[in-house]
N, C-alpha and C. Protein backbone atom coordinates (compact mmCIF):
# COMPACT_ATOMS: atom_id res chain seq x y z
N MET A 1 -7.31 -2.87 -31.04
CA MET A 1 -7.63 -3.25 -29.68
C MET A 1 -6.76 -2.46 -28.70
N ALA A 2 -7.35 -2.08 -27.60
CA ALA A 2 -6.63 -1.28 -26.61
C ALA A 2 -5.51 -2.09 -25.97
N GLU A 3 -4.48 -1.37 -25.55
CA GLU A 3 -3.37 -2.04 -24.86
C GLU A 3 -3.84 -2.54 -23.51
N ARG A 4 -3.27 -3.65 -23.08
CA ARG A 4 -3.62 -4.21 -21.77
C ARG A 4 -2.49 -3.93 -20.78
N PHE A 5 -2.87 -3.52 -19.61
CA PHE A 5 -1.90 -3.23 -18.57
C PHE A 5 -2.07 -4.26 -17.46
N GLU A 6 -0.98 -4.80 -17.00
CA GLU A 6 -1.02 -5.83 -15.98
C GLU A 6 -1.14 -5.27 -14.56
N ARG A 7 -1.11 -3.97 -14.41
CA ARG A 7 -1.12 -3.35 -13.08
C ARG A 7 -2.52 -3.00 -12.64
N HIS A 8 -3.50 -3.79 -13.00
CA HIS A 8 -4.90 -3.52 -12.72
C HIS A 8 -5.15 -3.33 -11.23
N ARG A 9 -5.68 -2.17 -10.88
CA ARG A 9 -6.07 -1.83 -9.51
C ARG A 9 -4.93 -1.84 -8.49
N GLN A 10 -3.74 -1.59 -8.95
CA GLN A 10 -2.60 -1.52 -8.02
C GLN A 10 -2.57 -0.13 -7.39
N PRO A 11 -2.24 -0.05 -6.11
CA PRO A 11 -2.17 1.27 -5.45
C PRO A 11 -1.03 2.11 -6.03
N TRP A 12 -1.22 3.43 -5.98
CA TRP A 12 -0.21 4.35 -6.48
C TRP A 12 0.88 4.54 -5.43
N THR A 13 2.13 4.51 -5.88
CA THR A 13 3.25 4.76 -4.98
C THR A 13 3.59 6.25 -5.02
N HIS A 14 4.35 6.68 -4.03
CA HIS A 14 4.78 8.09 -3.98
C HIS A 14 5.60 8.44 -5.22
N GLU A 15 6.47 7.52 -5.65
CA GLU A 15 7.31 7.77 -6.83
C GLU A 15 6.46 7.94 -8.09
N GLU A 16 5.42 7.11 -8.21
CA GLU A 16 4.54 7.22 -9.37
C GLU A 16 3.80 8.55 -9.39
N LEU A 17 3.37 9.00 -8.23
CA LEU A 17 2.69 10.29 -8.15
C LEU A 17 3.61 11.43 -8.55
N GLU A 18 4.86 11.36 -8.10
CA GLU A 18 5.84 12.39 -8.47
C GLU A 18 6.09 12.36 -9.98
N LYS A 19 6.19 11.16 -10.55
CA LYS A 19 6.41 11.03 -11.99
C LYS A 19 5.22 11.57 -12.77
N LEU A 20 4.01 11.29 -12.30
CA LEU A 20 2.80 11.81 -12.95
C LEU A 20 2.81 13.33 -12.95
N LYS A 21 3.13 13.92 -11.81
CA LYS A 21 3.19 15.38 -11.71
C LYS A 21 4.22 15.96 -12.67
N LEU A 22 5.39 15.31 -12.74
CA LEU A 22 6.47 15.78 -13.60
C LEU A 22 6.07 15.71 -15.08
N LEU A 23 5.52 14.58 -15.49
CA LEU A 23 5.13 14.40 -16.90
C LEU A 23 4.00 15.35 -17.29
N ALA A 24 3.05 15.54 -16.39
CA ALA A 24 1.95 16.46 -16.67
C ALA A 24 2.46 17.90 -16.77
N LYS A 25 3.41 18.24 -15.90
CA LYS A 25 3.99 19.58 -15.91
C LYS A 25 4.73 19.86 -17.22
N LYS A 26 5.34 18.80 -17.78
CA LYS A 26 6.05 18.93 -19.06
C LYS A 26 5.10 19.09 -20.23
N GLY A 27 3.80 18.85 -20.00
CA GLY A 27 2.81 19.03 -21.05
C GLY A 27 2.57 17.79 -21.90
N MET A 28 2.96 16.64 -21.39
CA MET A 28 2.75 15.40 -22.15
C MET A 28 1.26 15.07 -22.22
N ALA A 29 0.88 14.42 -23.30
CA ALA A 29 -0.51 14.02 -23.50
C ALA A 29 -0.84 12.79 -22.65
N LEU A 30 -2.10 12.57 -22.43
CA LEU A 30 -2.56 11.46 -21.61
C LEU A 30 -2.06 10.12 -22.12
N LYS A 31 -2.13 9.92 -23.42
CA LYS A 31 -1.70 8.64 -24.01
C LYS A 31 -0.20 8.41 -23.77
N ALA A 32 0.60 9.44 -23.91
CA ALA A 32 2.05 9.33 -23.70
C ALA A 32 2.37 9.05 -22.23
N ILE A 33 1.65 9.71 -21.34
CA ILE A 33 1.86 9.47 -19.91
C ILE A 33 1.47 8.04 -19.57
N SER A 34 0.39 7.58 -20.14
CA SER A 34 -0.09 6.23 -19.91
C SER A 34 0.95 5.19 -20.31
N LYS A 35 1.55 5.37 -21.47
CA LYS A 35 2.58 4.44 -21.92
C LYS A 35 3.83 4.51 -21.04
N ALA A 36 4.22 5.71 -20.68
CA ALA A 36 5.42 5.90 -19.88
C ALA A 36 5.29 5.28 -18.48
N MET A 37 4.07 5.28 -17.96
CA MET A 37 3.87 4.80 -16.60
C MET A 37 3.27 3.39 -16.54
N THR A 38 3.00 2.81 -17.68
CA THR A 38 2.35 1.49 -17.79
C THR A 38 1.09 1.40 -16.93
N ARG A 39 0.28 2.42 -17.06
CA ARG A 39 -1.04 2.46 -16.42
C ARG A 39 -2.05 2.87 -17.47
N SER A 40 -3.31 2.52 -17.26
CA SER A 40 -4.35 2.85 -18.23
C SER A 40 -4.62 4.36 -18.23
N GLU A 41 -5.16 4.83 -19.34
CA GLU A 41 -5.49 6.25 -19.45
C GLU A 41 -6.53 6.63 -18.40
N GLU A 42 -7.50 5.75 -18.17
CA GLU A 42 -8.53 6.01 -17.16
C GLU A 42 -7.93 6.15 -15.77
N SER A 43 -6.98 5.28 -15.45
CA SER A 43 -6.33 5.33 -14.15
C SER A 43 -5.58 6.64 -13.97
N ILE A 44 -4.86 7.04 -15.01
CA ILE A 44 -4.11 8.30 -14.98
C ILE A 44 -5.07 9.48 -14.81
N LYS A 45 -6.14 9.47 -15.60
CA LYS A 45 -7.11 10.55 -15.55
C LYS A 45 -7.76 10.66 -14.16
N ASP A 46 -8.15 9.52 -13.61
CA ASP A 46 -8.79 9.51 -12.29
C ASP A 46 -7.85 10.03 -11.21
N ARG A 47 -6.60 9.56 -11.25
CA ARG A 47 -5.63 9.98 -10.22
C ARG A 47 -5.30 11.46 -10.35
N ALA A 48 -5.18 11.93 -11.59
CA ALA A 48 -4.88 13.35 -11.81
C ALA A 48 -6.02 14.22 -11.27
N LYS A 49 -7.23 13.76 -11.45
CA LYS A 49 -8.39 14.52 -10.96
C LYS A 49 -8.38 14.56 -9.43
N ILE A 50 -8.08 13.44 -8.79
CA ILE A 50 -8.02 13.37 -7.33
C ILE A 50 -6.97 14.33 -6.78
N ASP A 51 -5.80 14.38 -7.44
CA ASP A 51 -4.70 15.21 -6.96
C ASP A 51 -4.69 16.62 -7.53
N GLY A 52 -5.66 16.94 -8.39
CA GLY A 52 -5.74 18.28 -8.96
C GLY A 52 -4.63 18.57 -9.95
N ILE A 53 -4.20 17.55 -10.70
CA ILE A 53 -3.14 17.70 -11.69
C ILE A 53 -3.78 17.88 -13.06
N GLY A 54 -3.39 18.92 -13.77
CA GLY A 54 -3.92 19.17 -15.11
C GLY A 54 -3.15 18.38 -16.16
N ILE A 55 -3.88 17.67 -17.01
CA ILE A 55 -3.27 16.90 -18.10
C ILE A 55 -3.55 17.64 -19.41
N ALA A 56 -2.53 17.81 -20.23
CA ALA A 56 -2.69 18.52 -21.51
C ALA A 56 -3.63 17.77 -22.43
N LYS A 57 -4.45 18.52 -23.14
CA LYS A 57 -5.36 17.92 -24.11
C LYS A 57 -4.83 18.19 -25.51
N LEU A 58 -4.80 17.16 -26.35
CA LEU A 58 -4.37 17.35 -27.73
C LEU A 58 -5.50 17.96 -28.53
N ARG A 59 -5.17 18.90 -29.39
CA ARG A 59 -6.20 19.53 -30.23
C ARG A 59 -5.85 19.38 -31.67
């Protein structure tokens, strides 16, 4: 069963956006970023797309 996050539909803070950019720049995978930020993978993916942040894909 998927992990549940209690931050459902919470607005993104400036600090969270900076952390997302930093983690994505380091090449972390979506799942790892999701755990580190306690946000869902979908939320991370959507926000990254809005801000033009590239997330590494595992192969």
